[in-house]
Amino acid sequence: MRTRKGRARIDRFPDGETLIKLDDDVRGRDCFVIQSTCPPVNENLMELLIFIDSLVRASARRITAVIPYFGYARQDRKAEGRTPITAKLVANLISEAGAHRVLAMDLHADQIQGFFDLPLDHLTAQPVIANHISGMALKDCVVVSPDVGNLKRATAYVQRLGGDLAVIDKRRTSGDTAIASRVIGDVEGKTVLMFDDMITTGGTATEAVRILREHGAKRFLLAATHPVLAGPAVERLKGAGIDWIVVTDTICLRPEVGQQLPQMTVLSVAQLLGDAIRRIHLDQSISAMFVNVKR
């Protein structure tokens, strides 16, 4: 498979509107648009939609939207009356823009796959993260799910890494505040490994570390695929006493974040995405990428 990065120009009109001009002929081509809908979410989402429309109007044969981080994923249900299901709306927008398929990584909820009326390939960064942690050779570890809803992900990591499993009973009091009330499982004297799909405001992680420390845990590793790090997240993580933070590059971090959080390691998912793109282009199985991985 021979390929190269396509050329395009992105300009802004004085009123803020986005203009995209493709500088390569894409007629009859198999095209992949790689765009995380991370902050600024609306601007990046609009760029993705305009890129797709540009490719449609330039007669591309097939268009795949590669979305390492899918924004609006947490709005996947009506949590209360008179609220939208924005994850479904964004899925509709991508479909209507003209994409033929979507490649995403670690969606916040599995049901989002069903929001798309087109084929969606769902990758996970678990092999990348688990391989890195295995190489750290940590001792006396316990995998802790920061809430009951994350138990499936925690169990998958236990299957990959071994060790025991514990769960924190958590209650969310607002969009950026969560209170942990108790720990189910033994964490005393252990090195805690916590996994989540994203770190947004850091409220869940810092509250989990607080209660785990009260229950005797000694060291803490926090891992997540998507380092959103919005609002007070960096300050919260700095003050939480977390020994290791492991994230991936599905979202580009500001340079100052690495300076403020020297215990953070950013892993690349480029090879994982590249292999998936190659398989899609060659009409090969995506699930075969994970056949030999313990689940």
Protein backbone atom coordinates (compact mmCIF):
# COMPACT_ATOMS: atom_id res chain seq x y z
CA MET A 1 0.00 0.00 0.00
CA ARG A 2 1.50 3.33 -1.10
CA THR A 3 0.03 6.52 0.22
CA ARG A 4 0.90 10.06 1.15
CA LYS A 5 -0.55 12.89 3.14
CA GLY A 6 -3.01 14.95 1.13
CA ARG A 7 -2.56 18.67 0.76
CA ALA A 8 -5.21 21.19 1.72
CA ARG A 9 -5.52 24.80 2.80
CA ILE A 10 -7.64 25.95 5.73
CA ASP A 11 -8.54 29.64 5.79
CA ARG A 12 -10.81 31.76 7.96
CA PHE A 13 -13.13 34.47 6.72
CA PRO A 14 -13.20 37.67 8.80
CA ASP A 15 -16.47 36.56 10.40
CA GLY A 16 -14.94 33.25 11.52
CA GLU A 17 -16.32 30.98 8.80
CA THR A 18 -14.02 28.15 7.69
CA LEU A 19 -12.91 27.68 4.08
CA ILE A 20 -11.14 24.48 3.01
CA LYS A 21 -9.51 24.01 -0.40
CA LEU A 22 -8.14 20.62 -1.42
CA ASP A 23 -4.86 20.93 -3.31
CA ASP A 24 -4.82 17.33 -4.57
CA ASP A 25 -6.98 15.47 -7.07
CA VAL A 26 -9.10 12.96 -5.10
CA ARG A 27 -11.44 11.77 -7.86
CA GLY A 28 -11.95 8.04 -7.47
CA ARG A 29 -9.63 7.89 -4.44
CA ASP A 30 -10.05 6.16 -1.08
CA CYS A 31 -9.77 9.10 1.34
CA PHE A 32 -9.28 9.21 5.10
CA VAL A 33 -9.92 12.41 7.06
CA ILE A 34 -8.15 12.30 10.44
CA GLN A 35 -9.63 14.75 12.92
CA SER A 36 -10.15 14.56 16.67
CA THR A 37 -13.16 16.58 17.76
CA CYS A 38 -11.32 17.81 20.83
CA PRO A 39 -11.20 21.40 22.17
CA PRO A 40 -12.05 23.65 20.46
CA VAL A 41 -14.74 21.03 19.88
CA ASN A 42 -17.14 22.95 17.66
CA GLU A 43 -14.38 24.33 15.43
CA ASN A 44 -12.75 20.92 14.95
CA LEU A 45 -16.11 19.26 14.32
CA MET A 46 -16.98 21.88 11.69
CA GLU A 47 -13.61 21.38 9.98
CA LEU A 48 -14.27 17.64 9.82
CA LEU A 49 -17.69 18.16 8.24
CA ILE A 50 -16.34 20.65 5.70
CA PHE A 51 -13.47 18.34 4.77
CA ILE A 52 -15.94 15.52 4.16
CA ASP A 53 -18.17 17.76 2.03
CA SER A 54 -15.13 18.94 0.04
CA LEU A 55 -14.19 15.33 -0.70
CA VAL A 56 -17.75 14.45 -1.71
CA ARG A 57 -17.90 17.36 -4.15
CA ALA A 58 -14.44 16.42 -5.48
CA SER A 59 -15.75 12.93 -6.39
CA ALA A 60 -13.80 10.87 -3.87
CA ARG A 61 -14.67 7.16 -4.20
CA ARG A 62 -14.86 6.44 -0.46
CA ILE A 63 -14.50 8.73 2.56
CA THR A 64 -13.61 7.46 6.02
CA ALA A 65 -13.81 9.84 8.97
CA VAL A 66 -11.01 8.85 11.35
CA ILE A 67 -11.94 10.30 14.73
CA PRO A 68 -9.40 9.38 17.44
CA TYR A 69 -11.43 11.33 20.01
CA PHE A 70 -15.18 11.66 19.48
CA GLY A 71 -16.46 14.82 21.14
CA TYR A 72 -19.98 15.09 22.60
CA ALA A 73 -19.75 11.37 23.44
CA ARG A 74 -20.89 11.93 27.03
CA GLN A 75 -24.21 13.33 25.78
CA ASP A 76 -25.37 9.86 24.75
CA ARG A 77 -28.76 9.79 26.50
CA LYS A 78 -31.45 12.02 27.99
CA ALA A 79 -30.21 12.33 31.56
CA GLU A 80 -33.19 14.55 32.36
CA GLY A 81 -36.14 16.17 30.60
CA ARG A 82 -35.73 18.69 27.77
CA THR A 83 -32.09 17.80 27.02
CA PRO A 84 -30.61 16.64 23.69
CA ILE A 85 -28.81 13.44 22.72
CA THR A 86 -25.97 15.33 21.06
CA ALA A 87 -23.82 12.27 20.35
CA LYS A 88 -26.57 11.07 18.01
CA LEU A 89 -26.85 14.53 16.43
CA VAL A 90 -23.10 14.57 15.68
CA ALA A 91 -23.33 11.06 14.22
CA ASN A 92 -26.15 12.28 11.94
CA LEU A 93 -24.10 15.30 10.85
CA ILE A 94 -21.14 13.10 9.87
CA SER A 95 -23.41 10.77 7.93
CA GLU A 96 -25.25 13.59 6.16
CA ALA A 97 -21.96 15.31 5.29
CA GLY A 98 -21.18 12.31 3.09
CA ALA A 99 -18.83 10.02 5.01
CA HIS A 100 -19.04 6.36 4.01
CA ARG A 101 -17.62 4.93 7.24
CA VAL A 102 -16.13 5.99 10.57
CA LEU A 103 -13.04 4.83 12.46
CA ALA A 104 -13.10 5.80 16.15
CA MET A 105 -11.18 4.93 19.29
CA ASP A 106 -12.51 4.19 22.79
CA LEU A 107 -15.94 5.75 22.51
CA HIS A 108 -17.31 6.85 25.87
CA ALA A 109 -20.22 4.44 25.56
CA ASP A 110 -20.54 1.37 23.33
CA GLN A 111 -24.07 2.30 22.26
CA ILE A 112 -22.69 5.28 20.31
CA GLN A 113 -21.70 2.79 17.62
CA GLY A 114 -25.40 2.31 16.95
CA PHE A 115 -25.94 6.06 16.50
CA PHE A 116 -24.27 5.90 13.08
CA ASP A 117 -26.24 4.81 10.02
CA LEU A 118 -23.02 3.73 8.34
CA PRO A 119 -20.22 1.24 9.14
CA LEU A 120 -18.16 2.11 12.21
CA ASP A 121 -14.90 0.44 13.23
CA HIS A 122 -14.22 0.81 16.95
CA LEU A 123 -10.61 0.58 18.13
CA THR A 124 -9.33 0.44 21.69
CA ALA A 125 -6.03 1.76 23.03
CA GLN A 126 -5.98 -0.93 25.70
CA PRO A 127 -3.16 -2.96 24.05
CA VAL A 128 -0.94 0.14 23.79
CA ILE A 129 -1.55 1.17 27.40
CA ALA A 130 -1.34 -2.36 28.81
CA ASN A 131 1.94 -3.10 27.01
CA HIS A 132 3.49 0.07 28.44
CA ILE A 133 2.37 -0.73 31.99
CA SER A 134 3.61 -4.32 31.68
CA GLY A 135 7.03 -2.92 30.84
CA MET A 136 7.03 -0.86 34.05
CA ALA A 137 7.18 -4.11 36.08
CA LEU A 138 5.11 -2.74 38.95
CA LYS A 139 4.65 -5.00 41.97
CA ASP A 140 1.70 -5.82 44.22
CA CYS A 141 -0.89 -4.14 41.97
CA VAL A 142 -4.66 -3.96 42.11
CA VAL A 143 -6.82 -2.66 39.27
CA VAL A 144 -9.47 -0.27 40.59
CA SER A 145 -12.57 0.78 38.71
CA PRO A 146 -13.27 4.43 39.69
CA ASP A 147 -17.01 3.76 39.38
CA VAL A 148 -19.38 0.90 38.68
CA GLY A 149 -19.95 2.03 35.08
CA ASN A 150 -16.24 1.54 34.34
CA LEU A 151 -16.15 -2.03 35.65
CA LYS A 152 -16.09 -3.65 32.20
CA ARG A 153 -12.97 -1.69 31.21
CA ALA A 154 -11.25 -2.48 34.52
CA THR A 155 -12.00 -6.17 34.11
CA ALA A 156 -10.46 -6.15 30.63
CA TYR A 157 -7.24 -4.71 32.07
CA VAL A 158 -7.20 -7.33 34.82
CA GLN A 159 -7.37 -9.99 32.09
CA ARG A 160 -4.45 -8.35 30.30
CA LEU A 161 -2.26 -7.47 33.29
CA GLY A 162 -3.37 -9.89 35.99
CA GLY A 163 -3.85 -8.93 39.64
CA ASP A 164 -6.91 -8.26 41.76
CA LEU A 165 -9.90 -6.02 41.08
CA ALA A 166 -11.57 -3.42 43.31
CA VAL A 167 -14.44 -1.00 42.69
CA ILE A 168 -15.24 2.46 44.07
CA ASP A 169 -18.86 3.29 44.75
CA LYS A 170 -19.15 6.84 43.39
CA ARG A 171 -21.93 9.39 43.31
CA ARG A 172 -21.80 12.34 40.89
CA THR A 173 -23.11 15.57 42.40
CA SER A 174 -22.63 17.77 39.30
CA GLY A 175 -21.04 17.77 35.86
CA ASP A 176 -17.53 18.29 37.28
CA THR A 177 -17.82 16.90 40.82
CA ALA A 178 -17.99 13.30 41.99
CA ILE A 179 -17.92 11.94 45.55
CA ALA A 180 -16.55 8.47 46.29
CA SER A 181 -18.21 6.84 49.27
CA ARG A 182 -16.64 3.37 49.71
CA VAL A 183 -14.22 0.83 48.24
CA ILE A 184 -15.24 -2.73 47.40
CA GLY A 185 -12.08 -4.86 47.49
CA ASP A 186 -8.68 -4.89 49.19
CA VAL A 187 -6.30 -2.01 48.34
CA GLU A 188 -4.28 -1.73 51.57
CA GLY A 189 -0.56 -1.45 50.86
CA LYS A 190 -1.14 -1.93 47.12
CA THR A 191 -0.15 -0.06 43.98
CA VAL A 192 -3.42 1.05 42.44
CA LEU A 193 -3.96 1.00 38.67
CA MET A 194 -6.96 3.05 37.52
CA PHE A 195 -8.18 3.11 33.92
CA ASP A 196 -10.74 5.31 32.21
CA ASP A 197 -11.61 6.29 28.66
CA MET A 198 -10.93 9.97 29.33
CA ILE A 199 -9.70 12.46 31.92
CA THR A 200 -11.89 15.52 31.61
CA THR A 201 -11.93 17.67 34.75
CA GLY A 202 -10.02 15.19 36.91
CA GLY A 203 -12.79 15.08 39.50
CA THR A 204 -13.34 11.33 39.33
CA ALA A 205 -9.62 10.49 39.53
CA THR A 206 -8.72 12.83 42.38
CA GLU A 207 -11.69 11.81 44.49
CA ALA A 208 -10.85 8.15 43.85
CA VAL A 209 -7.23 8.67 44.93
CA ARG A 210 -8.41 10.40 48.11
CA ILE A 211 -10.62 7.55 49.25
CA LEU A 212 -8.13 4.87 48.14
CA ARG A 213 -5.40 6.53 50.17
CA GLU A 214 -7.73 6.55 53.16
CA HIS A 215 -8.10 2.78 52.66
CA GLY A 216 -4.34 2.23 52.73
CA ALA A 217 -3.28 2.32 49.06
CA LYS A 218 0.35 3.40 48.68
CA ARG A 219 1.03 4.31 45.04
CA PHE A 220 -1.20 5.34 42.17
CA LEU A 221 -1.18 4.99 38.40
CA LEU A 222 -3.90 6.68 36.36
CA ALA A 223 -4.30 5.75 32.69
CA ALA A 224 -6.77 7.01 30.09
CA THR A 225 -7.02 7.07 26.32
CA HIS A 226 -8.18 10.67 25.93
CA PRO A 227 -6.47 13.49 27.93
CA VAL A 228 -9.19 16.12 27.60
CA LEU A 229 -7.91 17.93 30.73
CA ALA A 230 -10.55 20.64 30.79
CA GLY A 231 -11.08 23.31 33.41
CA PRO A 232 -9.37 22.51 36.73
CA ALA A 233 -8.05 19.10 35.63
CA VAL A 234 -4.32 19.91 35.62
CA GLU A 235 -4.43 21.62 39.00
CA ARG A 236 -6.43 18.76 40.48
CA LEU A 237 -4.03 16.14 39.15
CA LYS A 238 -1.01 18.11 40.38
CA GLY A 239 -2.38 18.11 43.91
CA ALA A 240 -3.67 14.54 43.99
CA GLY A 241 -0.35 12.78 44.63
CA ILE A 242 -0.61 10.48 41.59
CA ASP A 243 2.71 8.74 40.87
CA TRP A 244 2.18 7.95 37.18
CA ILE A 245 -0.25 9.26 34.59
CA VAL A 246 -0.44 7.45 31.23
CA VAL A 247 -2.42 8.84 28.29
CA THR A 248 -2.35 8.62 24.50
CA ASP A 249 -2.02 11.22 21.76
CA THR A 250 -5.62 11.07 20.53
CA ILE A 251 -5.69 14.68 21.75
CA CYS A 252 -2.78 17.09 21.31
CA LEU A 253 -1.71 18.44 24.69
CA ARG A 254 -0.52 21.97 25.28
CA PRO A 255 3.27 22.08 25.90
CA GLU A 256 2.79 23.52 29.39
CA VAL A 257 0.79 20.46 30.47
CA GLY A 258 3.91 18.29 30.30
CA GLN A 259 5.78 20.81 32.42
CA GLN A 260 3.04 20.93 35.03
CA LEU A 261 2.60 17.15 35.10
CA PRO A 262 6.11 15.65 34.77
CA GLN A 263 4.76 12.23 35.84
CA MET A 264 2.67 12.07 32.66
CA THR A 265 3.63 9.76 29.79
CA VAL A 266 2.00 10.21 26.37
CA LEU A 267 1.83 7.06 24.25
CA SER A 268 1.37 7.09 20.49
CA VAL A 269 -1.58 5.32 18.85
CA ALA A 270 -0.31 6.17 15.35
CA GLN A 271 0.66 2.59 14.54
CA LEU A 272 -2.70 1.29 15.74
CA LEU A 273 -4.61 3.82 13.62
CA GLY A 274 -2.30 3.30 10.66
CA ASP A 275 -2.82 -0.46 10.71
CA ALA A 276 -6.59 0.04 10.86
CA ILE A 277 -6.51 2.49 7.94
CA ARG A 278 -4.44 0.05 5.88
CA ARG A 279 -6.88 -2.77 6.63
CA ILE A 280 -9.90 -0.65 5.69
CA HIS A 281 -8.25 0.34 2.41
CA LEU A 282 -7.45 -3.29 1.61
CA ASP A 283 -10.89 -4.52 2.76
CA GLN A 284 -9.34 -6.61 5.52
CA SER A 285 -10.66 -7.43 8.99
CA ILE A 286 -10.25 -4.86 11.76
CA SER A 287 -11.17 -7.30 14.53
CA ALA A 288 -8.22 -9.49 13.47
CA MET A 289 -5.95 -6.80 14.94
CA PHE A 290 -7.07 -7.86 18.41
CA VAL A 291 -7.41 -11.63 17.95
CA ASN A 292 -4.22 -12.47 19.85
CA VAL A 293 -4.87 -9.99 22.65
CA LYS A 294 -6.23 -11.31 25.97
CA ARG A 295 -9.58 -9.80 26.72
